Amino acid sequence: MPIIRPISDLRNNFTSISKAVHTENEPVFLTKNGKGDMVVMSLEYYEQQLARIELYQKLNEAREEIRNGATGKDARIVLQGLMPS
């Protein structure tokens, strides 16, 4: 369930917002005049989201390469090549 707080809590209850983003590992949505205004998240959560976006971008690139006729290698052969002798 999303954590939604008024933007005034950023000033008045910063410690509790900081604790929430770190313990829940979820962003806190801040509202201004009852409408969404900004999102606060931990650095760890932010980096996880960036890594996820990068992964999706790479998967989309691979799909596009396959659509354009690229061929891959057999995963079993590649994995065998990674294993120490």
PDB file of N, CA and C in Angstrom:
ATOM      1  N   MET A   1       0.852  -1.172   0.000  1.00  0.00           N
ATOM      2  CA  MET A   1       0.000   0.000   0.000  1.00  0.00           C
ATOM      3  C   MET A   1       0.899   1.238   0.000  1.00  0.00           C
ATOM      4  N   PRO A   2       0.647   2.196  -0.872  1.00  0.00           N
ATOM      5  CA  PRO A   2       1.511   3.379  -0.940  1.00  0.00           C
ATOM      6  C   PRO A   2       1.437   4.217   0.331  1.00  0.00           C
ATOM      7  N   ILE A   3       2.549   4.848   0.638  1.00  0.00           N
ATOM      8  CA  ILE A   3       2.622   5.759   1.782  1.00  0.00           C
ATOM      9  C   ILE A   3       2.416   7.166   1.235  1.00  0.00           C
ATOM     10  N   ILE A   4       1.366   7.819   1.684  1.00  0.00           N
ATOM     11  CA  ILE A   4       1.026   9.156   1.200  1.00  0.00           C
ATOM     12  C   ILE A   4       0.990  10.098   2.393  1.00  0.00           C
ATOM     13  N   ARG A   5       1.743  11.185   2.283  1.00  0.00           N
ATOM     14  CA  ARG A   5       1.827  12.155   3.383  1.00  0.00           C
ATOM     15  C   ARG A   5       1.719  13.569   2.805  1.00  0.00           C
ATOM     16  N   PRO A   6       1.251  14.527   3.609  1.00  0.00           N
ATOM     17  CA  PRO A   6       1.253  15.924   3.151  1.00  0.00           C
ATOM     18  C   PRO A   6       2.685  16.453   3.087  1.00  0.00           C
ATOM     19  N   ILE A   7       2.926  17.352   2.159  1.00  0.00           N
ATOM     20  CA  ILE A   7       4.273  17.872   1.968  1.00  0.00           C
ATOM     21  C   ILE A   7       4.796  18.575   3.222  1.00  0.00           C
ATOM     22  N   SER A   8       3.902  19.090   4.054  1.00  0.00           N
ATOM     23  CA  SER A   8       4.329  19.749   5.292  1.00  0.00           C
ATOM     24  C   SER A   8       5.065  18.775   6.207  1.00  0.00           C
ATOM     25  N   ASP A   9       4.778  17.471   6.077  1.00  0.00           N
ATOM     26  CA  ASP A   9       5.492  16.479   6.887  1.00  0.00           C
ATOM     27  C   ASP A   9       6.968  16.416   6.546  1.00  0.00           C
ATOM     28  N   LEU A  10       7.331  16.841   5.353  1.00  0.00           N
ATOM     29  CA  LEU A  10       8.737  16.837   4.975  1.00  0.00           C
ATOM     30  C   LEU A  10       9.515  17.780   5.900  1.00  0.00           C
ATOM     31  N   ARG A  11       8.916  18.887   6.236  1.00  0.00           N
ATOM     32  CA  ARG A  11       9.551  19.849   7.135  1.00  0.00           C
ATOM     33  C   ARG A  11       9.320  19.471   8.603  1.00  0.00           C
ATOM     34  N   ASN A  12       8.079  19.114   8.926  1.00  0.00           N
ATOM     35  CA  ASN A  12       7.720  18.911  10.326  1.00  0.00           C
ATOM     36  C   ASN A  12       8.055  17.527  10.864  1.00  0.00           C
ATOM     37  N   ASN A  13       8.103  16.522  10.001  1.00  0.00           N
ATOM     38  CA  ASN A  13       8.338  15.146  10.446  1.00  0.00           C
ATOM     39  C   ASN A  13       9.343  14.430   9.548  1.00  0.00           C
ATOM     40  N   PHE A  14      10.422  15.139   9.208  1.00  0.00           N
ATOM     41  CA  PHE A  14      11.410  14.571   8.291  1.00  0.00           C
ATOM     42  C   PHE A  14      11.916  13.218   8.767  1.00  0.00           C
ATOM     43  N   THR A  15      12.180  13.105  10.064  1.00  0.00           N
ATOM     44  CA  THR A  15      12.734  11.864  10.602  1.00  0.00           C
ATOM     45  C   THR A  15      11.801  10.686  10.358  1.00  0.00           C
ATOM     46  N   SER A  16      10.508  10.895  10.521  1.00  0.00           N
ATOM     47  CA  SER A  16       9.579   9.781  10.312  1.00  0.00           C
ATOM     48  C   SER A  16       9.483   9.411   8.836  1.00  0.00           C
ATOM     49  N   ILE A  17       9.588  10.394   7.934  1.00  0.00           N
ATOM     50  CA  ILE A  17       9.581  10.093   6.506  1.00  0.00           C
ATOM     51  C   ILE A  17      10.844   9.328   6.137  1.00  0.00           C
ATOM     52  N   SER A  18      11.973   9.781   6.642  1.00  0.00           N
ATOM     53  CA  SER A  18      13.239   9.086   6.375  1.00  0.00           C
ATOM     54  C   SER A  18      13.177   7.651   6.873  1.00  0.00           C
ATOM     55  N   LYS A  19      12.653   7.465   8.055  1.00  0.00           N
ATOM     56  CA  LYS A  19      12.530   6.118   8.615  1.00  0.00           C
ATOM     57  C   LYS A  19      11.613   5.259   7.740  1.00  0.00           C
ATOM     58  N   ALA A  20      10.512   5.838   7.281  1.00  0.00           N
ATOM     59  CA  ALA A  20       9.554   5.088   6.465  1.00  0.00           C
ATOM     60  C   ALA A  20      10.177   4.621   5.156  1.00  0.00           C
ATOM     61  N   VAL A  21      10.908   5.500   4.462  1.00  0.00           N
ATOM     62  CA  VAL A  21      11.478   5.088   3.173  1.00  0.00           C
ATOM     63  C   VAL A  21      12.558   4.033   3.343  1.00  0.00           C
ATOM     64  N   HIS A  22      13.221   4.035   4.490  1.00  0.00           N
ATOM     65  CA  HIS A  22      14.273   3.038   4.711  1.00  0.00           C
ATOM     66  C   HIS A  22      13.729   1.715   5.254  1.00  0.00           C
ATOM     67  N   THR A  23      12.774   1.766   6.150  1.00  0.00           N
ATOM     68  CA  THR A  23      12.273   0.513   6.729  1.00  0.00           C
ATOM     69  C   THR A  23      11.314  -0.199   5.792  1.00  0.00           C
ATOM     70  N   GLU A  24      10.517   0.552   5.053  1.00  0.00           N
ATOM     71  CA  GLU A  24       9.548  -0.057   4.134  1.00  0.00           C
ATOM     72  C   GLU A  24      10.152  -0.332   2.760  1.00  0.00           C
ATOM     73  N   ASN A  25      11.290   0.299   2.463  1.00  0.00           N
ATOM     74  CA  ASN A  25      11.935   0.215   1.149  1.00  0.00           C
ATOM     75  C   ASN A  25      10.919   0.513   0.042  1.00  0.00           C
ATOM     76  N   GLU A  26      10.136   1.545   0.276  1.00  0.00           N
ATOM     77  CA  GLU A  26       9.113   2.021  -0.663  1.00  0.00           C
ATOM     78  C   GLU A  26       9.185   3.540  -0.682  1.00  0.00           C
ATOM     79  N   PRO A  27       8.749   4.151  -1.763  1.00  0.00           N
ATOM     80  CA  PRO A  27       8.729   5.616  -1.786  1.00  0.00           C
ATOM     81  C   PRO A  27       7.586   6.178  -0.943  1.00  0.00           C
ATOM     82  N   VAL A  28       7.743   7.427  -0.527  1.00  0.00           N
ATOM     83  CA  VAL A  28       6.680   8.159   0.150  1.00  0.00           C
ATOM     84  C   VAL A  28       6.190   9.222  -0.828  1.00  0.00           C
ATOM     85  N   PHE A  29       4.892   9.218  -1.092  1.00  0.00           N
ATOM     86  CA  PHE A  29       4.286  10.190  -1.994  1.00  0.00           C
ATOM     87  C   PHE A  29       3.836  11.389  -1.170  1.00  0.00           C
ATOM     88  N   LEU A  30       4.277  12.584  -1.564  1.00  0.00           N
ATOM     89  CA  LEU A  30       3.936  13.800  -0.843  1.00  0.00           C
ATOM     90  C   LEU A  30       2.894  14.582  -1.633  1.00  0.00           C
ATOM     91  N   THR A  31       1.897  15.079  -0.904  1.00  0.00           N
ATOM     92  CA  THR A  31       0.822  15.830  -1.547  1.00  0.00           C
ATOM     93  C   THR A  31       0.885  17.297  -1.142  1.00  0.00           C
ATOM     94  N   LYS A  32       0.410  18.128  -2.056  1.00  0.00           N
ATOM     95  CA  LYS A  32       0.315  19.571  -1.798  1.00  0.00           C
ATOM     96  C   LYS A  32      -1.098  19.976  -2.196  1.00  0.00           C
ATOM     97  N   ASN A  33      -1.825  20.528  -1.245  1.00  0.00           N
ATOM     98  CA  ASN A  33      -3.231  20.906  -1.468  1.00  0.00           C
ATOM     99  C   ASN A  33      -4.049  19.711  -1.963  1.00  0.00           C
ATOM    100  N   GLY A  34      -3.757  18.540  -1.428  1.00  0.00           N
ATOM    101  CA  GLY A  34      -4.523  17.344  -1.740  1.00  0.00           C
ATOM    102  C   GLY A  34      -4.163  16.649  -3.037  1.00  0.00           C
ATOM    103  N   LYS A  35      -3.174  17.165  -3.749  1.00  0.00           N
ATOM    104  CA  LYS A  35      -2.767  16.560  -5.020  1.00  0.00           C
ATOM    105  C   LYS A  35      -1.314  16.113  -4.942  1.00  0.00           C
ATOM    106  N   GLY A  36      -0.983  15.057  -5.696  1.00  0.00           N
ATOM    107  CA  GLY A  36       0.386  14.573  -5.718  1.00  0.00           C
ATOM    108  C   GLY A  36       1.354  15.653  -6.161  1.00  0.00           C
ATOM    109  N   ASP A  37       2.477  15.775  -5.452  1.00  0.00           N
ATOM    110  CA  ASP A  37       3.455  16.811  -5.772  1.00  0.00           C
ATOM    111  C   ASP A  37       4.852  16.247  -5.999  1.00  0.00           C
ATOM    112  N   MET A  38       5.287  15.308  -5.143  1.00  0.00           N
ATOM    113  CA  MET A  38       6.616  14.738  -5.300  1.00  0.00           C
ATOM    114  C   MET A  38       6.709  13.398  -4.590  1.00  0.00           C
ATOM    115  N   VAL A  39       7.815  12.720  -4.855  1.00  0.00           N
ATOM    116  CA  VAL A  39       8.065  11.409  -4.266  1.00  0.00           C
ATOM    117  C   VAL A  39       9.424  11.439  -3.592  1.00  0.00           C
ATOM    118  N   VAL A  40       9.500  10.878  -2.396  1.00  0.00           N
ATOM    119  CA  VAL A  40      10.763  10.765  -1.667  1.00  0.00           C
ATOM    120  C   VAL A  40      11.061   9.282  -1.521  1.00  0.00           C
ATOM    121  N   MET A  41      12.311   8.908  -1.809  1.00  0.00           N
ATOM    122  CA  MET A  41      12.687   7.492  -1.694  1.00  0.00           C
ATOM    123  C   MET A  41      14.121   7.388  -1.203  1.00  0.00           C
ATOM    124  N   SER A  42      14.459   6.224  -0.686  1.00  0.00           N
ATOM    125  CA  SER A  42      15.823   5.997  -0.239  1.00  0.00           C
ATOM    126  C   SER A  42      16.733   5.851  -1.450  1.00  0.00           C
ATOM    127  N   LEU A  43      18.010   6.082  -1.246  1.00  0.00           N
ATOM    128  CA  LEU A  43      18.979   5.916  -2.324  1.00  0.00           C
ATOM    129  C   LEU A  43      18.995   4.471  -2.798  1.00  0.00           C
ATOM    130  N   GLU A  44      18.869   3.535  -1.884  1.00  0.00           N
ATOM    131  CA  GLU A  44      18.851   2.112  -2.243  1.00  0.00           C
ATOM    132  C   GLU A  44      17.674   1.806  -3.181  1.00  0.00           C
ATOM    133  N   TYR A  45      16.498   2.290  -2.847  1.00  0.00           N
ATOM    134  CA  TYR A  45      15.319   2.064  -3.679  1.00  0.00           C
ATOM    135  C   TYR A  45      15.499   2.710  -5.052  1.00  0.00           C
ATOM    136  N   TYR A  46      16.035   3.921  -5.063  1.00  0.00           N
ATOM    137  CA  TYR A  46      16.274   4.633  -6.311  1.00  0.00           C
ATOM    138  C   TYR A  46      17.224   3.836  -7.210  1.00  0.00           C
ATOM    139  N   GLU A  47      18.305   3.332  -6.642  1.00  0.00           N
ATOM    140  CA  GLU A  47      19.269   2.557  -7.424  1.00  0.00           C
ATOM    141  C   GLU A  47      18.652   1.257  -7.935  1.00  0.00           C
ATOM    142  N   GLN A  48      17.786   0.642  -7.141  1.00  0.00           N
ATOM    143  CA  GLN A  48      17.085  -0.563  -7.593  1.00  0.00           C
ATOM    144  C   GLN A  48      16.208  -0.249  -8.803  1.00  0.00           C
ATOM    145  N   GLN A  49      15.525   0.876  -8.759  1.00  0.00           N
ATOM    146  CA  GLN A  49      14.658   1.259  -9.872  1.00  0.00           C
ATOM    147  C   GLN A  49      15.471   1.562 -11.130  1.00  0.00           C
ATOM    148  N   LEU A  50      16.616   2.233 -10.964  1.00  0.00           N
ATOM    149  CA  LEU A  50      17.480   2.496 -12.115  1.00  0.00           C
ATOM    150  C   LEU A  50      17.981   1.188 -12.728  1.00  0.00           C
ATOM    151  N   ALA A  51      18.373   0.236 -11.882  1.00  0.00           N
ATOM    152  CA  ALA A  51      18.848  -1.061 -12.378  1.00  0.00           C
ATOM    153  C   ALA A  51      17.735  -1.786 -13.118  1.00  0.00           C
ATOM    154  N   ARG A  52      16.521  -1.716 -12.609  1.00  0.00           N
ATOM    155  CA  ARG A  52      15.380  -2.358 -13.265  1.00  0.00           C
ATOM    156  C   ARG A  52      15.125  -1.729 -14.644  1.00  0.00           C
ATOM    157  N   ILE A  53      15.172  -0.411 -14.707  1.00  0.00           N
ATOM    158  CA  ILE A  53      14.973   0.285 -15.983  1.00  0.00           C
ATOM    159  C   ILE A  53      16.064  -0.118 -16.977  1.00  0.00           C
ATOM    160  N   GLU A  54      17.300  -0.167 -16.514  1.00  0.00           N
ATOM    161  CA  GLU A  54      18.409  -0.558 -17.393  1.00  0.00           C
ATOM    162  C   GLU A  54      18.217  -1.982 -17.917  1.00  0.00           C
ATOM    163  N   LEU A  55      17.771  -2.887 -17.058  1.00  0.00           N
ATOM    164  CA  LEU A  55      17.515  -4.260 -17.473  1.00  0.00           C
ATOM    165  C   LEU A  55      16.425  -4.310 -18.545  1.00  0.00           C
ATOM    166  N   TYR A  56      15.336  -3.586 -18.323  1.00  0.00           N
ATOM    167  CA  TYR A  56      14.251  -3.560 -19.305  1.00  0.00           C
ATOM    168  C   TYR A  56      14.728  -2.989 -20.644  1.00  0.00           C
ATOM    169  N   GLN A  57      15.567  -1.958 -20.585  1.00  0.00           N
ATOM    170  CA  GLN A  57      16.098  -1.383 -21.818  1.00  0.00           C
ATOM    171  C   GLN A  57      16.941  -2.410 -22.580  1.00  0.00           C
ATOM    172  N   LYS A  58      17.774  -3.152 -21.844  1.00  0.00           N
ATOM    173  CA  LYS A  58      18.610  -4.170 -22.488  1.00  0.00           C
ATOM    174  C   LYS A  58      17.760  -5.294 -23.072  1.00  0.00           C
ATOM    175  N   LEU A  59      16.715  -5.684 -22.360  1.00  0.00           N
ATOM    176  CA  LEU A  59      15.823  -6.718 -22.885  1.00  0.00           C
ATOM    177  C   LEU A  59      15.123  -6.243 -24.153  1.00  0.00           C
ATOM    178  N   ASN A  60      14.694  -4.995 -24.166  1.00  0.00           N
ATOM    179  CA  ASN A  60      14.050  -4.449 -25.363  1.00  0.00           C
ATOM    180  C   ASN A  60      15.027  -4.372 -26.536  1.00  0.00           C
ATOM    181  N   GLU A  61      16.278  -4.000 -26.250  1.00  0.00           N
ATOM    182  CA  GLU A  61      17.291  -3.976 -27.312  1.00  0.00           C
ATOM    183  C   GLU A  61      17.497  -5.374 -27.884  1.00  0.00           C
ATOM    184  N   ALA A  62      17.557  -6.370 -27.010  1.00  0.00           N
ATOM    185  CA  ALA A  62      17.752  -7.750 -27.466  1.00  0.00           C
ATOM    186  C   ALA A  62      16.562  -8.208 -28.307  1.00  0.00           C
ATOM    187  N   ARG A  63      15.366  -7.882 -27.883  1.00  0.00           N
ATOM    188  CA  ARG A  63      14.175  -8.242 -28.667  1.00  0.00           C
ATOM    189  C   ARG A  63      14.215  -7.601 -30.055  1.00  0.00           C
ATOM    190  N   GLU A  64      14.627  -6.352 -30.092  1.00  0.00           N
ATOM    191  CA  GLU A  64      14.707  -5.642 -31.373  1.00  0.00           C
ATOM    192  C   GLU A  64      15.763  -6.286 -32.275  1.00  0.00           C
ATOM    193  N   GLU A  65      16.895  -6.675 -31.694  1.00  0.00           N
ATOM    194  CA  GLU A  65      17.932  -7.345 -32.477  1.00  0.00           C
ATOM    195  C   GLU A  65      17.410  -8.656 -33.052  1.00  0.00           C
ATOM    196  N   ILE A  66      16.659  -9.399 -32.260  1.00  0.00           N
ATOM    197  CA  ILE A  66      16.096 -10.675 -32.732  1.00  0.00           C
ATOM    198  C   ILE A  66      15.103 -10.415 -33.865  1.00  0.00           C
ATOM    199  N   ARG A  67      14.266  -9.385 -33.700  1.00  0.00           N
ATOM    200  CA  ARG A  67      13.309  -9.036 -34.766  1.00  0.00           C
ATOM    201  C   ARG A  67      14.024  -8.675 -36.070  1.00  0.00           C
ATOM    202  N   ASN A  68      15.226  -8.113 -35.945  1.00  0.00           N
ATOM    203  CA  ASN A  68      15.995  -7.705 -37.120  1.00  0.00           C
ATOM    204  C   ASN A  68      16.897  -8.814 -37.645  1.00  0.00           C
ATOM    205  N   GLY A  69      16.705 -10.046 -37.145  1.00  0.00           N
ATOM    206  CA  GLY A  69      17.424 -11.184 -37.703  1.00  0.00           C
ATOM    207  C   GLY A  69      18.659 -11.639 -36.967  1.00  0.00           C
ATOM    208  N   ALA A  70      18.992 -11.036 -35.837  1.00  0.00           N
ATOM    209  CA  ALA A  70      20.172 -11.470 -35.092  1.00  0.00           C
ATOM    210  C   ALA A  70      19.951 -12.878 -34.560  1.00  0.00           C
ATOM    211  N   THR A  71      21.000 -13.641 -34.510  1.00  0.00           N
ATOM    212  CA  THR A  71      20.922 -14.988 -33.939  1.00  0.00           C
ATOM    213  C   THR A  71      21.782 -15.028 -32.693  1.00  0.00           C
ATOM    214  N   GLY A  72      21.377 -15.845 -31.770  1.00  0.00           N
ATOM    215  CA  GLY A  72      22.107 -15.959 -30.518  1.00  0.00           C
ATOM    216  C   GLY A  72      22.891 -17.245 -30.442  1.00  0.00           C
ATOM    217  N   LYS A  73      23.477 -17.461 -29.304  1.00  0.00           N
ATOM    218  CA  LYS A  73      24.236 -18.677 -29.050  1.00  0.00           C
ATOM    219  C   LYS A  73      23.449 -19.553 -28.092  1.00  0.00           C
ATOM    220  N   ASP A  74      23.690 -20.818 -28.142  1.00  0.00           N
ATOM    221  CA  ASP A  74      23.045 -21.766 -27.239  1.00  0.00           C
ATOM    222  C   ASP A  74      23.504 -21.467 -25.809  1.00  0.00           C
ATOM    223  N   ALA A  75      22.557 -21.230 -24.920  1.00  0.00           N
ATOM    224  CA  ALA A  75      22.877 -20.865 -23.537  1.00  0.00           C
ATOM    225  C   ALA A  75      23.695 -21.933 -22.839  1.00  0.00           C
ATOM    226  N   ARG A  76      23.443 -23.214 -23.126  1.00  0.00           N
ATOM    227  CA  ARG A  76      24.223 -24.283 -22.486  1.00  0.00           C
ATOM    228  C   ARG A  76      25.691 -24.181 -22.850  1.00  0.00           C
ATOM    229  N   ILE A  77      25.976 -23.865 -24.110  1.00  0.00           N
ATOM    230  CA  ILE A  77      27.375 -23.755 -24.543  1.00  0.00           C
ATOM    231  C   ILE A  77      28.046 -22.543 -23.888  1.00  0.00           C
ATOM    232  N   VAL A  78      27.327 -21.435 -23.837  1.00  0.00           N
ATOM    233  CA  VAL A  78      27.872 -20.223 -23.209  1.00  0.00           C
ATOM    234  C   VAL A  78      28.153 -20.493 -21.737  1.00  0.00           C
ATOM    235  N   LEU A  79      27.209 -21.109 -21.022  1.00  0.00           N
ATOM    236  CA  LEU A  79      27.391 -21.389 -19.595  1.00  0.00           C
ATOM    237  C   LEU A  79      28.539 -22.363 -19.364  1.00  0.00           C
ATOM    238  N   GLN A  80      28.694 -23.352 -20.229  1.00  0.00           N
ATOM    239  CA  GLN A  80      29.820 -24.283 -20.094  1.00  0.00           C
ATOM    240  C   GLN A  80      31.146 -23.540 -20.243  1.00  0.00           C
ATOM    241  N   GLY A  81      31.186 -22.562 -21.126  1.00  0.00           N
ATOM    242  CA  GLY A  81      32.403 -21.779 -21.305  1.00  0.00           C
ATOM    243  C   GLY A  81      32.736 -20.916 -20.104  1.00  0.00           C
ATOM    244  N   LEU A  82      31.750 -20.627 -19.268  1.00  0.00           N
ATOM    245  CA  LEU A  82      31.975 -19.809 -18.067  1.00  0.00           C
ATOM    246  C   LEU A  82      32.458 -20.631 -16.884  1.00  0.00           C
ATOM    247  N   MET A  83      32.247 -21.923 -16.943  1.00  0.00           N
ATOM    248  CA  MET A  83      32.607 -22.798 -15.828  1.00  0.00           C
ATOM    249  C   MET A  83      34.107 -23.078 -15.847  1.00  0.00           C
ATOM    250  N   PRO A  84      34.740 -23.059 -14.675  1.00  0.00           N
ATOM    251  CA  PRO A  84      36.176 -23.380 -14.620  1.00  0.00           C
ATOM    252  C   PRO A  84      36.406 -24.848 -14.983  1.00  0.00           C
ATOM    253  N   SER A  85      37.507 -25.106 -15.602  1.00  0.00           N
ATOM    254  CA  SER A  85      37.812 -26.484 -16.036  1.00  0.00           C
ATOM    255  C   SER A  85      38.214 -27.355 -14.882  1.00  0.00           C
TER     256      SER A  85
END
